[in-house]
All heavy atoms as atom14 arrays in JSON, in Angstrom:
{
  "sequence": "AITSGGSTNYADSVKGRFTISRDNAKNTVFLQMNSLKLEDTAVYY",
  "atom14_mask": [
    [1, 1, 1, 1, 1, 0, 0, 0, 0, 0, 0, 0, 0, 0],
    [1, 1, 1, 1, 1, 1, 1, 1, 0, 0, 0, 0, 0, 0],
    [1, 1, 1, 1, 1, 1, 1, 0, 0, 0, 0, 0, 0, 0],
    [1, 1, 1, 1, 1, 1, 0, 0, 0, 0, 0, 0, 0, 0],
    [1, 1, 1, 1, 0, 0, 0, 0, 0, 0, 0, 0, 0, 0],
    [1, 1, 1, 1, 0, 0, 0, 0, 0, 0, 0, 0, 0, 0],
    [1, 1, 1, 1, 1, 1, 0, 0, 0, 0, 0, 0, 0, 0],
    [1, 1, 1, 1, 1, 1, 1, 0, 0, 0, 0, 0, 0, 0],
    [1, 1, 1, 1, 1, 1, 1, 1, 0, 0, 0, 0, 0, 0],
    [1, 1, 1, 1, 1, 1, 1, 1, 1, 1, 1, 1, 0, 0],
    [1, 1, 1, 1, 1, 0, 0, 0, 0, 0, 0, 0, 0, 0],
    [1, 1, 1, 1, 1, 1, 1, 1, 0, 0, 0, 0, 0, 0],
    [1, 1, 1, 1, 1, 1, 0, 0, 0, 0, 0, 0, 0, 0],
    [1, 1, 1, 1, 1, 1, 1, 0, 0, 0, 0, 0, 0, 0],
    [1, 1, 1, 1, 1, 1, 1, 1, 1, 0, 0, 0, 0, 0],
    [1, 1, 1, 1, 0, 0, 0, 0, 0, 0, 0, 0, 0, 0],
    [1, 1, 1, 1, 1, 1, 1, 1, 1, 1, 1, 0, 0, 0],
    [1, 1, 1, 1, 1, 1, 1, 1, 1, 1, 1, 0, 0, 0],
    [1, 1, 1, 1, 1, 1, 1, 0, 0, 0, 0, 0, 0, 0],
    [1, 1, 1, 1, 1, 1, 1, 1, 0, 0, 0, 0, 0, 0],
    [1, 1, 1, 1, 1, 1, 0, 0, 0, 0, 0, 0, 0, 0],
    [1, 1, 1, 1, 1, 1, 1, 1, 1, 1, 1, 0, 0, 0],
    [1, 1, 1, 1, 1, 1, 1, 1, 0, 0, 0, 0, 0, 0],
    [1, 1, 1, 1, 1, 1, 1, 1, 0, 0, 0, 0, 0, 0],
    [1, 1, 1, 1, 1, 0, 0, 0, 0, 0, 0, 0, 0, 0],
    [1, 1, 1, 1, 1, 1, 1, 1, 1, 0, 0, 0, 0, 0],
    [1, 1, 1, 1, 1, 1, 1, 1, 0, 0, 0, 0, 0, 0],
    [1, 1, 1, 1, 1, 1, 1, 0, 0, 0, 0, 0, 0, 0],
    [1, 1, 1, 1, 1, 1, 1, 0, 0, 0, 0, 0, 0, 0],
    [1, 1, 1, 1, 1, 1, 1, 1, 1, 1, 1, 0, 0, 0],
    [1, 1, 1, 1, 1, 1, 1, 1, 0, 0, 0, 0, 0, 0],
    [1, 1, 1, 1, 1, 1, 1, 1, 1, 0, 0, 0, 0, 0],
    [1, 1, 1, 1, 1, 1, 1, 1, 0, 0, 0, 0, 0, 0],
    [1, 1, 1, 1, 1, 1, 1, 1, 0, 0, 0, 0, 0, 0],
    [1, 1, 1, 1, 1, 1, 0, 0, 0, 0, 0, 0, 0, 0],
    [1, 1, 1, 1, 1, 1, 1, 1, 0, 0, 0, 0, 0, 0],
    [1, 1, 1, 1, 1, 1, 1, 1, 1, 0, 0, 0, 0, 0],
    [1, 1, 1, 1, 1, 1, 1, 1, 0, 0, 0, 0, 0, 0],
    [1, 1, 1, 1, 1, 1, 1, 1, 1, 0, 0, 0, 0, 0],
    [1, 1, 1, 1, 1, 1, 1, 1, 0, 0, 0, 0, 0, 0],
    [1, 1, 1, 1, 1, 1, 1, 0, 0, 0, 0, 0, 0, 0],
    [1, 1, 1, 1, 1, 0, 0, 0, 0, 0, 0, 0, 0, 0],
    [1, 1, 1, 1, 1, 1, 1, 0, 0, 0, 0, 0, 0, 0],
    [1, 1, 1, 1, 1, 1, 1, 1, 1, 1, 1, 1, 0, 0],
    [1, 1, 1, 1, 1, 1, 1, 1, 1, 1, 1, 1, 0, 0]
  ],
  "atom14_positions": [
    [[155.1, 43.98, -66.6], [154.46, 42.97, -65.77], [153.78, 43.64, -64.59], [154.22, 44.71, -64.14], [155.47, 41.94, -65.29], [0.0, 0.0, 0.0], [0.0, 0.0, 0.0], [0.0, 0.0, 0.0], [0.0, 0.0, 0.0], [0.0, 0.0, 0.0], [0.0, 0.0, 0.0], [0.0, 0.0, 0.0], [0.0, 0.0, 0.0], [0.0, 0.0, 0.0]],
    [[152.74, 42.98, -64.08], [152.03, 43.51, -62.92], [151.64, 42.33, -62.03], [151.1, 41.33, -62.5], [150.79, 44.33, -63.35], [150.09, 44.93, -62.13], [149.84, 43.52, -64.21], [149.05, 46.0, -62.51], [0.0, 0.0, 0.0], [0.0, 0.0, 0.0], [0.0, 0.0, 0.0], [0.0, 0.0, 0.0], [0.0, 0.0, 0.0], [0.0, 0.0, 0.0]],
    [[151.94, 42.47, -60.75], [151.62, 41.4, -59.81], [150.16, 41.5, -59.37], [149.46, 42.49, -59.65], [152.52, 41.49, -58.57], [152.17, 42.69, -57.84], [153.98, 41.55, -58.97], [0.0, 0.0, 0.0], [0.0, 0.0, 0.0], [0.0, 0.0, 0.0], [0.0, 0.0, 0.0], [0.0, 0.0, 0.0], [0.0, 0.0, 0.0], [0.0, 0.0, 0.0]],
    [[149.72, 40.51, -58.63], [148.34, 40.53, -58.13], [148.11, 41.68, -57.16], [146.99, 42.17, -57.01], [148.02, 39.2, -57.44], [148.94, 38.94, -56.39], [0.0, 0.0, 0.0], [0.0, 0.0, 0.0], [0.0, 0.0, 0.0], [0.0, 0.0, 0.0], [0.0, 0.0, 0.0], [0.0, 0.0, 0.0], [0.0, 0.0, 0.0], [0.0, 0.0, 0.0]],
    [[149.19, 42.14, -56.56], [149.09, 43.28, -55.64], [149.21, 44.62, -56.31], [149.08, 45.66, -55.66], [0.0, 0.0, 0.0], [0.0, 0.0, 0.0], [0.0, 0.0, 0.0], [0.0, 0.0, 0.0], [0.0, 0.0, 0.0], [0.0, 0.0, 0.0], [0.0, 0.0, 0.0], [0.0, 0.0, 0.0], [0.0, 0.0, 0.0], [0.0, 0.0, 0.0]],
    [[149.48, 44.6, -57.61], [149.54, 45.85, -58.35], [150.94, 46.42, -58.59], [151.08, 47.47, -59.2], [0.0, 0.0, 0.0], [0.0, 0.0, 0.0], [0.0, 0.0, 0.0], [0.0, 0.0, 0.0], [0.0, 0.0, 0.0], [0.0, 0.0, 0.0], [0.0, 0.0, 0.0], [0.0, 0.0, 0.0], [0.0, 0.0, 0.0], [0.0, 0.0, 0.0]],
    [[151.96, 45.72, -58.13], [153.32, 46.19, -58.39], [153.65, 45.96, -59.86], [153.3, 44.93, -60.42], [154.32, 45.44, -57.51], [154.07, 45.71, -56.14], [0.0, 0.0, 0.0], [0.0, 0.0, 0.0], [0.0, 0.0, 0.0], [0.0, 0.0, 0.0], [0.0, 0.0, 0.0], [0.0, 0.0, 0.0], [0.0, 0.0, 0.0], [0.0, 0.0, 0.0]],
    [[154.35, 46.94, -60.43], [154.65, 46.86, -61.86], [156.15, 46.97, -62.12], [156.9, 47.52, -61.3], [153.95, 48.0, -62.62], [154.38, 49.26, -62.1], [152.44, 47.9, -62.49], [0.0, 0.0, 0.0], [0.0, 0.0, 0.0], [0.0, 0.0, 0.0], [0.0, 0.0, 0.0], [0.0, 0.0, 0.0], [0.0, 0.0, 0.0], [0.0, 0.0, 0.0]],
    [[156.56, 46.43, -63.25], [157.9, 46.69, -63.74], [157.86, 46.75, -65.25], [157.0, 46.12, -65.89], [158.92, 45.66, -63.23], [158.73, 44.3, -63.82], [157.83, 43.58, -63.44], [159.57, 43.94, -64.79], [0.0, 0.0, 0.0], [0.0, 0.0, 0.0], [0.0, 0.0, 0.0], [0.0, 0.0, 0.0], [0.0, 0.0, 0.0], [0.0, 0.0, 0.0]],
    [[158.78, 47.52, -65.8], [158.78, 47.8, -67.23], [160.18, 47.62, -67.81], [161.19, 47.85, -67.14], [158.35, 49.24, -67.5], [156.93, 49.56, -67.09], [156.64, 50.04, -65.82], [155.88, 49.37, -67.99], [155.34, 50.32, -65.45], [154.57, 49.66, -67.63], [154.32, 50.13, -66.36], [153.02, 50.42, -66.0], [0.0, 0.0, 0.0], [0.0, 0.0, 0.0]],
    [[160.21, 47.28, -69.07], [161.47, 47.31, -69.8], [161.91, 48.77, -69.9], [161.08, 49.68, -70.02], [161.3, 46.72, -71.19], [0.0, 0.0, 0.0], [0.0, 0.0, 0.0], [0.0, 0.0, 0.0], [0.0, 0.0, 0.0], [0.0, 0.0, 0.0], [0.0, 0.0, 0.0], [0.0, 0.0, 0.0], [0.0, 0.0, 0.0], [0.0, 0.0, 0.0]],
    [[163.2, 49.0, -69.85], [163.71, 50.37, -69.92], [163.24, 51.08, -71.18], [162.98, 52.28, -71.17], [165.24, 50.36, -69.87], [165.78, 50.02, -68.5], [165.02, 50.09, -67.51], [166.97, 49.67, -68.41], [0.0, 0.0, 0.0], [0.0, 0.0, 0.0], [0.0, 0.0, 0.0], [0.0, 0.0, 0.0], [0.0, 0.0, 0.0], [0.0, 0.0, 0.0]],
    [[163.11, 50.33, -72.25], [162.76, 50.93, -73.54], [161.34, 51.48, -73.59], [161.01, 52.26, -74.48], [162.95, 49.9, -74.65], [162.13, 48.76, -74.43], [0.0, 0.0, 0.0], [0.0, 0.0, 0.0], [0.0, 0.0, 0.0], [0.0, 0.0, 0.0], [0.0, 0.0, 0.0], [0.0, 0.0, 0.0], [0.0, 0.0, 0.0], [0.0, 0.0, 0.0]],
    [[160.48, 51.08, -72.64], [159.09, 51.54, -72.68], [158.7, 52.38, -71.47], [157.58, 52.89, -71.4], [158.11, 50.36, -72.83], [158.49, 49.49, -74.02], [158.03, 49.54, -71.55], [0.0, 0.0, 0.0], [0.0, 0.0, 0.0], [0.0, 0.0, 0.0], [0.0, 0.0, 0.0], [0.0, 0.0, 0.0], [0.0, 0.0, 0.0], [0.0, 0.0, 0.0]],
    [[159.61, 52.52, -70.54], [159.29, 53.3, -69.33], [158.88, 54.72, -69.71], [159.52, 55.37, -70.52], [160.5, 53.34, -68.4], [160.71, 52.06, -67.61], [161.92, 52.17, -66.69], [162.12, 50.88, -65.91], [163.34, 50.92, -65.06], [0.0, 0.0, 0.0], [0.0, 0.0, 0.0], [0.0, 0.0, 0.0], [0.0, 0.0, 0.0], [0.0, 0.0, 0.0]],
    [[157.8, 55.17, -69.07], [157.31, 56.51, -69.34], [156.39, 56.6, -70.54], [155.74, 57.63, -70.76], [0.0, 0.0, 0.0], [0.0, 0.0, 0.0], [0.0, 0.0, 0.0], [0.0, 0.0, 0.0], [0.0, 0.0, 0.0], [0.0, 0.0, 0.0], [0.0, 0.0, 0.0], [0.0, 0.0, 0.0], [0.0, 0.0, 0.0], [0.0, 0.0, 0.0]],
    [[156.3, 55.53, -71.32], [155.43, 55.54, -72.51], [154.32, 54.5, -72.4], [153.21, 54.75, -72.88], [156.25, 55.24, -73.77], [157.36, 56.24, -74.04], [158.0, 56.0, -75.4], [158.65, 54.69, -75.5], [158.33, 53.77, -76.4], [157.36, 53.99, -77.28], [158.98, 52.62, -76.44], [0.0, 0.0, 0.0], [0.0, 0.0, 0.0], [0.0, 0.0, 0.0]],
    [[154.61, 53.37, -71.79], [153.63, 52.29, -71.67], [153.15, 52.18, -70.22], [153.92, 52.42, -69.28], [154.23, 50.94, -72.07], [154.54, 50.8, -73.54], [154.49, 51.87, -74.41], [154.91, 49.55, -74.05], [154.79, 51.72, -75.76], [155.21, 49.38, -75.38], [155.15, 50.48, -76.24], [0.0, 0.0, 0.0], [0.0, 0.0, 0.0], [0.0, 0.0, 0.0]],
    [[151.89, 51.78, -70.06], [151.34, 51.55, -68.74], [150.58, 50.24, -68.72], [149.69, 50.03, -69.55], [150.39, 52.69, -68.34], [151.08, 53.94, -68.37], [149.85, 52.46, -66.93], [0.0, 0.0, 0.0], [0.0, 0.0, 0.0], [0.0, 0.0, 0.0], [0.0, 0.0, 0.0], [0.0, 0.0, 0.0], [0.0, 0.0, 0.0], [0.0, 0.0, 0.0]],
    [[150.94, 49.38, -67.79], [150.23, 48.11, -67.62], [149.26, 48.24, -66.46], [149.56, 48.88, -65.45], [151.23, 46.95, -67.4], [150.49, 45.6, -67.47], [151.98, 47.1, -66.09], [151.43, 44.4, -67.5], [0.0, 0.0, 0.0], [0.0, 0.0, 0.0], [0.0, 0.0, 0.0], [0.0, 0.0, 0.0], [0.0, 0.0, 0.0], [0.0, 0.0, 0.0]],
    [[148.1, 47.64, -66.62], [147.09, 47.64, -65.56], [146.29, 46.36, -65.65], [146.38, 45.63, -66.65], [146.18, 48.86, -65.67], [145.5, 48.86, -66.91], [0.0, 0.0, 0.0], [0.0, 0.0, 0.0], [0.0, 0.0, 0.0], [0.0, 0.0, 0.0], [0.0, 0.0, 0.0], [0.0, 0.0, 0.0], [0.0, 0.0, 0.0], [0.0, 0.0, 0.0]],
    [[145.51, 46.07, -64.62], [144.73, 44.85, -64.64], [143.41, 45.06, -63.93], [143.3, 45.9, -63.03], [145.5, 43.68, -64.01], [145.87, 43.87, -62.56], [146.85, 42.81, -62.08], [146.23, 41.51, -61.86], [146.89, 40.41, -61.55], [148.22, 40.43, -61.47], [146.25, 39.26, -61.33], [0.0, 0.0, 0.0], [0.0, 0.0, 0.0], [0.0, 0.0, 0.0]],
    [[142.44, 44.27, -64.34], [141.12, 44.24, -63.69], [140.95, 42.82, -63.18], [140.63, 41.9, -63.95], [140.04, 44.61, -64.71], [138.65, 44.67, -64.08], [138.43, 44.01, -63.04], [137.79, 45.34, -64.64], [0.0, 0.0, 0.0], [0.0, 0.0, 0.0], [0.0, 0.0, 0.0], [0.0, 0.0, 0.0], [0.0, 0.0, 0.0], [0.0, 0.0, 0.0]],
    [[141.19, 42.63, -61.91], [141.16, 41.28, -61.35], [139.76, 40.65, -61.42], [139.64, 39.43, -61.59], [141.64, 41.3, -59.9], [143.12, 41.63, -59.8], [143.9, 41.23, -60.66], [143.51, 42.33, -58.76], [0.0, 0.0, 0.0], [0.0, 0.0, 0.0], [0.0, 0.0, 0.0], [0.0, 0.0, 0.0], [0.0, 0.0, 0.0], [0.0, 0.0, 0.0]],
    [[138.75, 41.45, -61.3], [137.38, 40.92, -61.35], [137.06, 40.34, -62.72], [136.23, 39.43, -62.84], [136.39, 42.01, -61.0], [0.0, 0.0, 0.0], [0.0, 0.0, 0.0], [0.0, 0.0, 0.0], [0.0, 0.0, 0.0], [0.0, 0.0, 0.0], [0.0, 0.0, 0.0], [0.0, 0.0, 0.0], [0.0, 0.0, 0.0], [0.0, 0.0, 0.0]],
    [[137.72, 40.86, -63.75], [137.45, 40.41, -65.12], [138.61, 39.61, -65.7], [138.6, 39.28, -66.89], [137.17, 41.62, -66.01], [135.93, 42.4, -65.6], [135.67, 43.56, -66.54], [134.39, 44.3, -66.16], [134.12, 45.44, -67.06], [0.0, 0.0, 0.0], [0.0, 0.0, 0.0], [0.0, 0.0, 0.0], [0.0, 0.0, 0.0], [0.0, 0.0, 0.0]],
    [[139.6, 39.29, -64.85], [140.76, 38.51, -65.31], [141.37, 39.09, -66.58], [141.67, 38.38, -67.54], [140.37, 37.05, -65.55], [139.98, 36.34, -64.27], [140.54, 36.6, -63.21], [139.01, 35.46, -64.36], [0.0, 0.0, 0.0], [0.0, 0.0, 0.0], [0.0, 0.0, 0.0], [0.0, 0.0, 0.0], [0.0, 0.0, 0.0], [0.0, 0.0, 0.0]],
    [[141.52, 40.39, -66.57], [141.97, 41.11, -67.76], [143.19, 41.96, -67.44], [143.27, 42.56, -66.37], [140.84, 42.0, -68.3], [139.7, 41.2, -68.61], [141.29, 42.73, -69.56], [0.0, 0.0, 0.0], [0.0, 0.0, 0.0], [0.0, 0.0, 0.0], [0.0, 0.0, 0.0], [0.0, 0.0, 0.0], [0.0, 0.0, 0.0], [0.0, 0.0, 0.0]],
    [[144.11, 41.99, -68.39], [145.27, 42.85, -68.28], [145.31, 43.75, -69.51], [144.93, 43.34, -70.61], [146.58, 42.04, -68.15], [146.83, 41.15, -69.36], [147.78, 42.95, -67.88], [0.0, 0.0, 0.0], [0.0, 0.0, 0.0], [0.0, 0.0, 0.0], [0.0, 0.0, 0.0], [0.0, 0.0, 0.0], [0.0, 0.0, 0.0], [0.0, 0.0, 0.0]],
    [[145.74, 44.98, -69.29], [145.79, 45.98, -70.35], [147.22, 46.48, -70.52], [148.02, 46.47, -69.58], [144.89, 47.17, -70.01], [143.47, 46.8, -69.71], [143.05, 46.65, -68.39], [142.55, 46.61, -70.72], [141.74, 46.31, -68.1], [141.24, 46.27, -70.44], [140.83, 46.12, -69.13], [0.0, 0.0, 0.0], [0.0, 0.0, 0.0], [0.0, 0.0, 0.0]],
    [[147.49, 46.98, -71.7], [148.76, 47.67, -71.95], [148.44, 48.92, -72.76], [148.09, 48.83, -73.94], [149.75, 46.79, -72.69], [151.14, 47.4, -72.86], [151.84, 47.51, -71.5], [152.0, 46.58, -73.82], [0.0, 0.0, 0.0], [0.0, 0.0, 0.0], [0.0, 0.0, 0.0], [0.0, 0.0, 0.0], [0.0, 0.0, 0.0], [0.0, 0.0, 0.0]],
    [[148.54, 50.05, -72.11], [148.36, 51.33, -72.8], [149.71, 51.76, -73.34], [150.66, 51.92, -72.59], [147.82, 52.38, -71.83], [147.64, 53.76, -72.45], [146.58, 53.79, -73.53], [145.51, 53.22, -73.36], [146.88, 54.45, -74.64], [0.0, 0.0, 0.0], [0.0, 0.0, 0.0], [0.0, 0.0, 0.0], [0.0, 0.0, 0.0], [0.0, 0.0, 0.0]],
    [[149.77, 51.92, -74.65], [151.02, 52.26, -75.31], [150.89, 53.63, -75.95], [150.07, 53.82, -76.85], [151.35, 51.21, -76.38], [151.39, 49.8, -75.83], [151.95, 48.58, -77.04], [150.62, 48.66, -78.24], [0.0, 0.0, 0.0], [0.0, 0.0, 0.0], [0.0, 0.0, 0.0], [0.0, 0.0, 0.0], [0.0, 0.0, 0.0], [0.0, 0.0, 0.0]],
    [[151.67, 54.57, -75.46], [151.67, 55.93, -75.98], [153.02, 56.25, -76.61], [154.02, 55.56, -76.37], [151.39, 56.92, -74.86], [150.01, 56.72, -74.23], [149.07, 56.3, -74.89], [149.91, 57.03, -72.94], [0.0, 0.0, 0.0], [0.0, 0.0, 0.0], [0.0, 0.0, 0.0], [0.0, 0.0, 0.0], [0.0, 0.0, 0.0], [0.0, 0.0, 0.0]],
    [[153.05, 57.31, -77.39], [154.28, 57.76, -78.03], [155.01, 56.6, -78.71], [156.22, 56.4, -78.54], [155.21, 58.41, -76.99], [154.56, 59.5, -76.36], [0.0, 0.0, 0.0], [0.0, 0.0, 0.0], [0.0, 0.0, 0.0], [0.0, 0.0, 0.0], [0.0, 0.0, 0.0], [0.0, 0.0, 0.0], [0.0, 0.0, 0.0], [0.0, 0.0, 0.0]],
    [[154.26, 55.85, -79.48], [154.82, 54.66, -80.11], [155.94, 55.01, -81.08], [155.88, 56.03, -81.78], [153.73, 53.87, -80.79], [152.85, 53.05, -79.83], [151.52, 52.69, -80.46], [153.6, 51.8, -79.4], [0.0, 0.0, 0.0], [0.0, 0.0, 0.0], [0.0, 0.0, 0.0], [0.0, 0.0, 0.0], [0.0, 0.0, 0.0], [0.0, 0.0, 0.0]],
    [[156.94, 54.14, -81.11], [158.09, 54.31, -81.97], [158.15, 53.16, -82.98], [157.57, 52.11, -82.77], [159.37, 54.32, -81.13], [159.41, 55.39, -80.06], [160.69, 55.27, -79.24], [160.74, 56.33, -78.15], [161.99, 56.24, -77.34], [0.0, 0.0, 0.0], [0.0, 0.0, 0.0], [0.0, 0.0, 0.0], [0.0, 0.0, 0.0], [0.0, 0.0, 0.0]],
    [[158.91, 53.39, -84.03], [159.06, 52.34, -85.04], [159.55, 51.04, -84.41], [159.12, 49.95, -84.8], [160.03, 52.79, -86.13], [159.62, 54.02, -86.95], [160.7, 54.34, -87.98], [158.29, 53.8, -87.63], [0.0, 0.0, 0.0], [0.0, 0.0, 0.0], [0.0, 0.0, 0.0], [0.0, 0.0, 0.0], [0.0, 0.0, 0.0], [0.0, 0.0, 0.0]],
    [[160.44, 51.17, -83.45], [161.03, 49.98, -82.83], [160.08, 49.24, -81.9], [160.43, 48.18, -81.37], [162.32, 50.35, -82.07], [162.17, 51.48, -81.09], [162.6, 52.82, -81.68], [162.26, 53.08, -82.86], [163.23, 53.61, -80.97], [0.0, 0.0, 0.0], [0.0, 0.0, 0.0], [0.0, 0.0, 0.0], [0.0, 0.0, 0.0], [0.0, 0.0, 0.0]],
    [[158.88, 49.77, -81.71], [157.87, 49.05, -80.94], [157.11, 48.03, -81.79], [156.3, 47.25, -81.27], [156.86, 50.02, -80.32], [157.48, 50.93, -79.28], [158.3, 50.44, -78.48], [157.15, 52.13, -79.27], [0.0, 0.0, 0.0], [0.0, 0.0, 0.0], [0.0, 0.0, 0.0], [0.0, 0.0, 0.0], [0.0, 0.0, 0.0], [0.0, 0.0, 0.0]],
    [[157.38, 48.03, -83.08], [156.74, 47.07, -83.97], [157.12, 45.65, -83.56], [158.3, 45.31, -83.45], [157.16, 47.31, -85.42], [156.64, 48.58, -85.85], [156.63, 46.23, -86.34], [0.0, 0.0, 0.0], [0.0, 0.0, 0.0], [0.0, 0.0, 0.0], [0.0, 0.0, 0.0], [0.0, 0.0, 0.0], [0.0, 0.0, 0.0], [0.0, 0.0, 0.0]],
    [[156.09, 44.83, -83.31], [156.34, 43.46, -82.85], [155.0, 42.74, -82.68], [153.94, 43.37, -82.75], [157.07, 43.47, -81.51], [0.0, 0.0, 0.0], [0.0, 0.0, 0.0], [0.0, 0.0, 0.0], [0.0, 0.0, 0.0], [0.0, 0.0, 0.0], [0.0, 0.0, 0.0], [0.0, 0.0, 0.0], [0.0, 0.0, 0.0], [0.0, 0.0, 0.0]],
    [[155.09, 41.46, -82.46], [153.92, 40.71, -81.99], [153.94, 40.76, -80.46], [154.97, 40.44, -79.85], [153.95, 39.25, -82.47], [152.76, 38.49, -81.91], [153.94, 39.2, -84.0], [0.0, 0.0, 0.0], [0.0, 0.0, 0.0], [0.0, 0.0, 0.0], [0.0, 0.0, 0.0], [0.0, 0.0, 0.0], [0.0, 0.0, 0.0], [0.0, 0.0, 0.0]],
    [[152.85, 41.17, -79.88], [152.74, 41.32, -78.43], [151.96, 40.12, -77.88], [150.86, 39.81, -78.35], [152.06, 42.63, -78.08], [152.97, 43.81, -78.26], [153.34, 44.26, -79.53], [153.5, 44.49, -77.16], [154.2, 45.32, -79.71], [154.36, 45.57, -77.32], [154.71, 45.98, -78.61], [155.57, 47.04, -78.76], [0.0, 0.0, 0.0], [0.0, 0.0, 0.0]],
    [[152.54, 39.51, -76.86], [151.96, 38.32, -76.25], [151.58, 38.59, -74.8], [152.36, 39.15, -74.03], [152.95, 37.16, -76.28], [153.33, 36.7, -77.66], [154.43, 37.23, -78.31], [152.58, 35.7, -78.3], [154.78, 36.8, -79.58], [152.94, 35.26, -79.56], [154.03, 35.81, -80.19], [154.38, 35.37, -81.44], [0.0, 0.0, 0.0], [0.0, 0.0, 0.0]]
  ]
}
């Protein structure tokens, strides 16, 4: 999750591998997922 001020928090299982960011001007949020594992398989909302 990322607040409007840019503060972030992550699930322990993805810390160090995933990065959340946002572009407020475009009302867009991103999730960069690196070093993906089998257990990351899921529907992402």
